[in-house]
Protein backbone atom coordinates (compact mmCIF):
# COMPACT_ATOMS: atom_id res chain seq x y z
CA MET A 1 110.97 73.70 77.31
CA SER A 2 108.25 71.71 79.97
CA HIS A 3 104.73 71.65 79.01
CA TYR A 4 102.34 73.39 81.34
CA SER A 5 99.91 70.80 82.68
CA GLY A 6 97.08 72.97 84.84
CA PRO A 7 94.08 74.72 83.70
CA LEU A 8 93.59 76.86 80.61
CA LEU A 9 90.57 79.04 81.14
CA THR A 10 88.30 81.03 78.09
CA ARG A 11 85.67 83.78 79.39
CA PHE A 12 82.98 80.78 78.37
CA VAL A 13 84.84 78.84 80.59
CA ALA A 14 84.80 80.91 83.31
CA GLU A 15 81.77 81.76 83.32
CA ALA A 16 80.45 77.78 83.12
CA LEU A 17 82.18 77.45 86.13
CA LEU A 18 80.98 80.23 88.07
CA THR A 19 77.10 79.33 86.94
CA ALA A 20 77.56 75.92 87.86
CA ARG A 21 78.55 77.63 91.74
CA ASP A 22 75.92 79.68 91.54
CA ALA A 23 74.02 76.69 91.15
CA GLY A 24 75.05 75.38 94.26
CA THR A 25 75.70 71.55 92.54
CA GLY A 26 79.12 71.80 94.30
CA GLU A 27 81.04 70.38 90.09
CA TRP A 28 81.62 71.14 87.04
CA ILE A 29 82.34 68.43 84.31
CA GLY A 30 83.69 69.57 80.78
CA SER A 31 87.36 70.95 79.21
CA LEU A 32 90.09 72.80 81.20
CA ASP A 33 92.73 71.67 78.42
CA LEU A 34 90.82 72.95 74.85
CA GLY A 35 88.87 70.10 74.49
CA ARG A 36 91.85 67.60 74.41
CA SER A 37 89.86 65.94 77.26
CA ASP A 38 86.76 66.04 79.75
CA GLY A 39 87.32 66.54 83.36
CA ASP A 40 85.48 67.00 86.55
CA ALA A 41 86.57 70.20 88.23
CA THR A 42 85.17 70.67 92.26
CA LEU A 43 83.70 73.66 93.47
CA GLN A 44 83.12 76.05 96.91
CA GLU A 45 82.68 79.32 97.32
CA ASP A 46 85.91 80.96 96.54
CA ALA A 47 87.94 78.47 94.98
CA TRP A 48 87.77 75.43 92.68
CA GLN A 49 89.65 72.15 92.63
CA TRP A 50 91.17 70.61 89.59
CA ARG A 51 93.64 67.38 89.73
CA GLY A 52 94.09 68.38 93.51
CA ARG A 53 94.78 71.96 92.84
CA HIS A 54 92.94 75.31 94.24
CA TYR A 55 92.53 77.61 91.99
CA PRO A 56 90.52 81.32 92.61
CA TYR A 57 88.09 82.47 90.28
CA PRO A 58 88.82 84.82 88.06
CA THR A 59 87.04 87.57 88.17
CA SER A 60 87.60 88.62 84.80
CA LEU A 61 88.77 87.69 81.17
CA LYS A 62 89.54 89.25 77.85
CA ASP A 63 87.28 87.67 74.63
CA ARG A 64 89.45 85.82 72.34
CA THR A 65 92.32 84.94 74.79
CA ILE A 66 93.59 81.97 76.65
CA HIS A 67 94.61 82.39 80.37
CA TYR A 68 96.89 80.02 81.95
CA TRP A 69 97.43 80.08 85.68
CA ASP A 70 100.97 81.87 86.38
CA GLY A 71 101.06 80.82 90.21
CA ASP A 72 99.44 84.25 91.09
CA GLU A 73 96.54 85.16 88.63
CA PHE A 74 95.15 84.02 85.38
CA ALA A 75 97.22 85.56 82.38
CA PRO A 76 96.48 85.85 78.89
CA VAL A 77 98.77 83.37 76.39
CA SER A 78 100.64 86.51 74.66
CA ARG A 79 103.58 88.34 75.00
CA TYR A 80 105.02 91.53 73.31
CA ALA A 81 108.64 91.44 72.39
CA GLY A 82 108.14 94.21 69.13
CA SER A 83 104.97 92.61 67.92
CA LEU A 84 101.97 91.08 69.89
CA ILE A 85 101.56 87.52 69.57
CA LYS A 86 98.93 85.61 71.18
CA LEU A 87 97.10 82.33 71.47
CA VAL A 88 93.69 82.14 70.14
CA PRO A 89 90.69 79.66 70.75
CA THR A 90 88.75 78.45 68.01
CA ASP A 91 84.90 77.06 67.86
CA TRP A 92 87.12 73.60 67.31
CA GLY A 93 89.16 73.50 70.04
CA ALA A 94 92.69 73.78 69.21
CA PRO A 95 93.59 77.03 68.90
CA THR A 96 95.41 79.29 66.19
CA PHE A 97 97.69 82.04 66.82
CA GLU A 98 97.99 85.93 66.16
CA ILE A 99 100.77 87.52 65.27
CA ASP A 100 100.22 91.74 66.01
CA GLY A 101 96.60 90.76 65.22
CA ILE A 102 96.90 88.49 62.26
CA LYS A 103 95.12 84.83 62.47
CA MET A 104 98.35 82.31 61.19
CA LEU A 105 96.12 79.01 60.02
CA PRO A 106 93.57 79.09 58.85
CA THR A 107 90.17 78.07 60.79
CA SER A 108 86.93 79.04 59.27
CA LYS A 109 86.03 76.43 57.83
CA GLU A 110 87.92 73.38 59.93
CA SER A 111 89.39 73.13 62.89
CA PRO A 112 93.61 73.99 62.14
CA PHE A 113 94.23 70.79 63.34
CA GLU A 114 92.15 68.88 60.94
CA ASP A 115 93.42 71.35 58.39
CA ALA A 116 96.98 69.94 59.46
CA ARG A 117 96.06 66.49 58.85
CA ARG A 118 94.96 66.91 55.50
CA LYS A 119 97.93 68.91 54.23
CA VAL A 120 100.37 66.40 56.24
CA ALA A 121 97.95 62.96 53.80
CA LEU A 122 99.36 64.25 50.73
CA VAL A 123 102.85 63.22 51.60
CA GLU A 124 102.38 59.92 53.21
CA PRO A 125 104.73 60.56 56.45
CA ARG A 126 105.09 56.82 57.52
CA GLY A 127 107.89 55.27 58.00
CA LYS A 128 109.37 58.43 56.75
CA VAL A 129 111.98 60.86 57.88
CA VAL A 130 110.23 64.44 57.70
CA LEU A 131 110.94 67.79 57.78
CA ASP A 132 109.10 70.94 58.71
CA THR A 133 110.63 73.89 58.02
CA CYS A 134 108.74 76.21 59.80
CA GLY A 135 107.31 74.43 62.79
CA GLY A 136 104.85 77.39 64.26
CA LEU A 137 102.44 75.56 66.73
CA GLY A 138 103.40 72.26 65.76
CA TYR A 139 100.12 70.26 64.32
CA PHE A 140 102.07 69.53 60.86
CA ALA A 141 104.55 67.20 63.78
CA ALA A 142 101.77 66.06 65.43
CA CYS A 143 100.17 64.66 62.58
CA CYS A 144 103.20 63.06 61.34
CA LEU A 145 103.45 61.62 64.57
CA GLU A 146 99.73 60.82 64.98
CA ALA A 147 100.58 58.84 61.36
CA GLY A 148 103.25 56.50 61.93
CA VAL A 149 106.50 58.67 60.71
CA ALA A 150 109.60 57.45 61.50
CA ALA A 151 111.37 60.99 62.28
CA ILE A 152 110.64 64.62 61.90
CA HIS A 153 112.75 67.43 62.01
CA SER A 154 111.42 70.45 62.47
CA PHE A 155 112.66 74.16 62.71
CA GLU A 156 110.24 77.33 64.26
CA LYS A 157 112.89 80.75 64.97
CA ASN A 158 110.40 82.80 66.70
CA ALA A 159 110.86 82.24 70.51
CA ASP A 160 107.44 83.10 71.29
CA VAL A 161 105.81 80.87 69.34
CA LEU A 162 107.93 77.80 71.31
CA TRP A 163 106.58 79.48 74.71
CA LEU A 164 102.95 79.01 73.18
CA ARG A 165 103.71 75.47 71.98
CA THR A 166 104.66 74.48 75.94
CA LEU A 167 100.70 76.14 77.01
CA ASN A 168 98.78 74.85 74.04
CA PRO A 169 97.95 71.01 74.92
CA TRP A 170 97.54 70.33 71.04
CA SER A 171 101.00 70.93 69.97
CA PRO A 172 103.25 68.41 70.51
CA ASP A 173 105.96 67.86 72.98
CA PRO A 174 109.26 66.74 71.91
CA ASP A 175 109.80 64.94 75.33
CA ALA A 176 106.34 63.18 75.42
CA PRO A 177 106.48 58.94 75.57
CA THR A 178 104.15 59.36 72.53
CA SER A 179 106.35 61.11 70.71
CA ASP A 180 109.18 58.34 71.59
CA GLY A 181 111.93 60.50 70.35
CA ARG A 182 110.80 60.97 66.97
CA LEU A 183 110.54 64.56 66.92
CA ARG A 184 113.09 66.70 66.74
CA LEU A 185 112.82 70.46 67.53
CA ASN A 186 114.85 72.93 66.86
CA HIS A 187 115.22 76.56 67.87
CA ALA A 188 116.29 78.24 64.45
CA ASP A 189 116.00 79.80 61.30
CA VAL A 190 115.34 76.95 58.37
CA SER A 191 116.54 79.10 56.12
CA LEU A 192 120.15 79.22 57.46
CA ALA A 193 120.29 75.74 59.29
CA ILE A 194 118.86 74.38 55.39
CA THR A 195 122.51 74.75 54.84
CA GLN A 196 123.44 72.15 57.52
CA ILE A 197 121.27 69.04 56.63
CA ALA A 198 122.78 66.77 54.05
CA ASP A 199 121.77 65.65 50.78
CA ALA A 200 118.71 63.34 50.03
CA SER A 201 117.84 62.84 53.37
CA MET A 202 114.76 64.12 54.09
CA ASP A 203 111.62 61.74 52.25
CA ALA A 204 109.04 64.38 52.61
CA LEU A 205 108.81 67.70 53.31
CA LEU A 206 106.48 70.28 54.99
CA HIS A 207 107.07 73.72 54.33
CA ASP A 208 104.34 76.32 55.79
CA PRO A 209 106.35 79.56 55.79
CA PRO A 210 104.73 83.09 57.36
CA ARG A 211 103.09 85.50 53.97
CA PHE A 212 105.54 86.57 51.21
CA GLY A 213 105.52 89.86 53.00
CA ILE A 214 107.02 88.29 55.98
CA ALA A 215 109.71 86.21 54.74
CA GLY A 216 110.29 86.38 51.59
CA GLU A 217 113.70 84.55 51.65
CA LEU A 218 111.31 81.27 52.14
CA TYR A 219 110.05 81.55 48.81
CA SER A 220 113.02 82.27 47.03
CA GLN A 221 114.57 80.12 43.92
CA ALA A 222 118.11 79.72 46.64
CA PHE A 223 115.51 78.69 48.60
CA TYR A 224 113.89 76.12 46.49
CA GLY A 225 117.09 74.27 45.34
CA GLN A 226 117.82 73.82 49.11
CA LEU A 227 114.86 71.30 49.46
CA ALA A 228 115.23 69.76 46.51
CA ARG A 229 118.88 69.27 47.27
CA VAL A 230 117.45 67.59 50.88
CA LEU A 231 115.15 65.86 49.08
CA ARG A 232 115.11 62.33 48.18
CA ARG A 233 114.42 61.74 44.26
CA GLY A 234 110.55 60.80 44.25
CA GLY A 235 109.41 62.53 47.52
CA ARG A 236 107.04 64.51 48.10
CA LEU A 237 106.79 68.64 49.32
CA PHE A 238 103.81 70.10 50.31
CA HIS A 239 104.18 73.94 50.43
CA TYR A 240 101.80 76.52 51.78
CA THR A 241 100.93 79.33 49.85
CA GLY A 242 97.19 80.50 51.16
CA SER A 243 95.14 81.91 48.29
CA PRO A 244 95.73 85.64 48.14
CA ASN A 245 93.48 87.89 46.50
CA LYS A 246 94.84 88.02 43.04
CA LEU A 247 92.84 91.98 42.04
CA THR A 248 94.26 93.17 45.45
CA SER A 249 97.57 91.78 45.26
CA GLY A 250 98.20 91.59 41.73
CA ARG A 251 99.85 87.94 42.38
CA ASP A 252 99.07 84.51 42.23
CA VAL A 253 101.35 83.61 44.76
CA PRO A 254 100.24 79.67 43.96
CA ARG A 255 101.50 79.95 40.75
CA GLU A 256 104.52 81.80 41.19
CA VAL A 257 105.85 79.14 43.64
CA ALA A 258 105.14 76.07 41.23
CA ARG A 259 107.08 77.63 39.03
CA ARG A 260 109.73 78.51 40.64
CA LEU A 261 109.36 74.96 42.78
CA GLU A 262 109.10 73.29 38.69
CA LYS A 263 112.66 75.10 37.72
CA ALA A 264 114.38 73.81 40.75
CA GLY A 265 113.64 70.67 40.18
CA PHE A 266 110.11 69.43 41.20
CA ARG A 267 107.43 68.59 39.48
CA ALA A 268 104.68 70.93 41.14
CA GLN A 269 100.36 71.37 41.17
CA LEU A 270 98.18 73.12 43.20
CA ALA A 271 96.56 71.21 45.58
CA LEU A 272 94.55 72.25 48.83
CA ASP A 273 95.61 75.81 49.22
CA GLY A 274 98.85 75.62 48.50
CA VAL A 275 101.52 73.51 46.21
CA LEU A 276 102.16 69.59 46.39
CA ALA A 277 105.43 68.57 44.42
CA THR A 278 107.55 65.80 43.76
CA ARG A 279 111.41 65.70 43.58
CA ARG A 280 112.22 64.83 39.77
């Protein structure tokens, strides 16, 4: 799917446009792509212009929601197909996303993009072939491209998440010149597709699965065996686990994951909010 190139509005940005118009300035300077760049919009009484196109002033926008121009109106970047999935603005520019109100990326202390950059650095992707098991919004992939990865094979099974990526300017576009053909994005369930990946064909792995209760198969001993099979000896894996409350869950998920990875053929240690492992 091609990436959207029109304006993205939050309630805050829409109110800033209206305030500037009412002040009679005739121009507003700011970001209409969630902080990726700054530009200027020409303001008229009943419409505003950006990148050569005219748009109406939105009458009311929802809080904690990003809106895009669908050709008729500014619509929320959200879909409902059994569960509600939406792109959610953050204080950092780069958005997160939610499924049924559950935030899928950490955003309380730093940008989810910066969080991804720190985790990607652990596997040292420069010049490597990397497997990104659960692509999400593509922040791991974007940071790998930025760091000079040779190739990254990314999997995402949720079609609605892939749609969010086409509207998120922070998500990498596989067809963009900056990707240079290095990003291969697959609409597939990695728990099944990994069996088609050749032995020892990956130099590094990034594994950011949904929580255990949603995708237990991605924490299974069998899947970890597949990860060990496709990774060359000495290759690194970062496995995001988060930090679930042991008192309420009764489980120490990071240490459980580390033990299973050790059994699969890795040396594992806790790192950041997950596990860093090396293929023995």
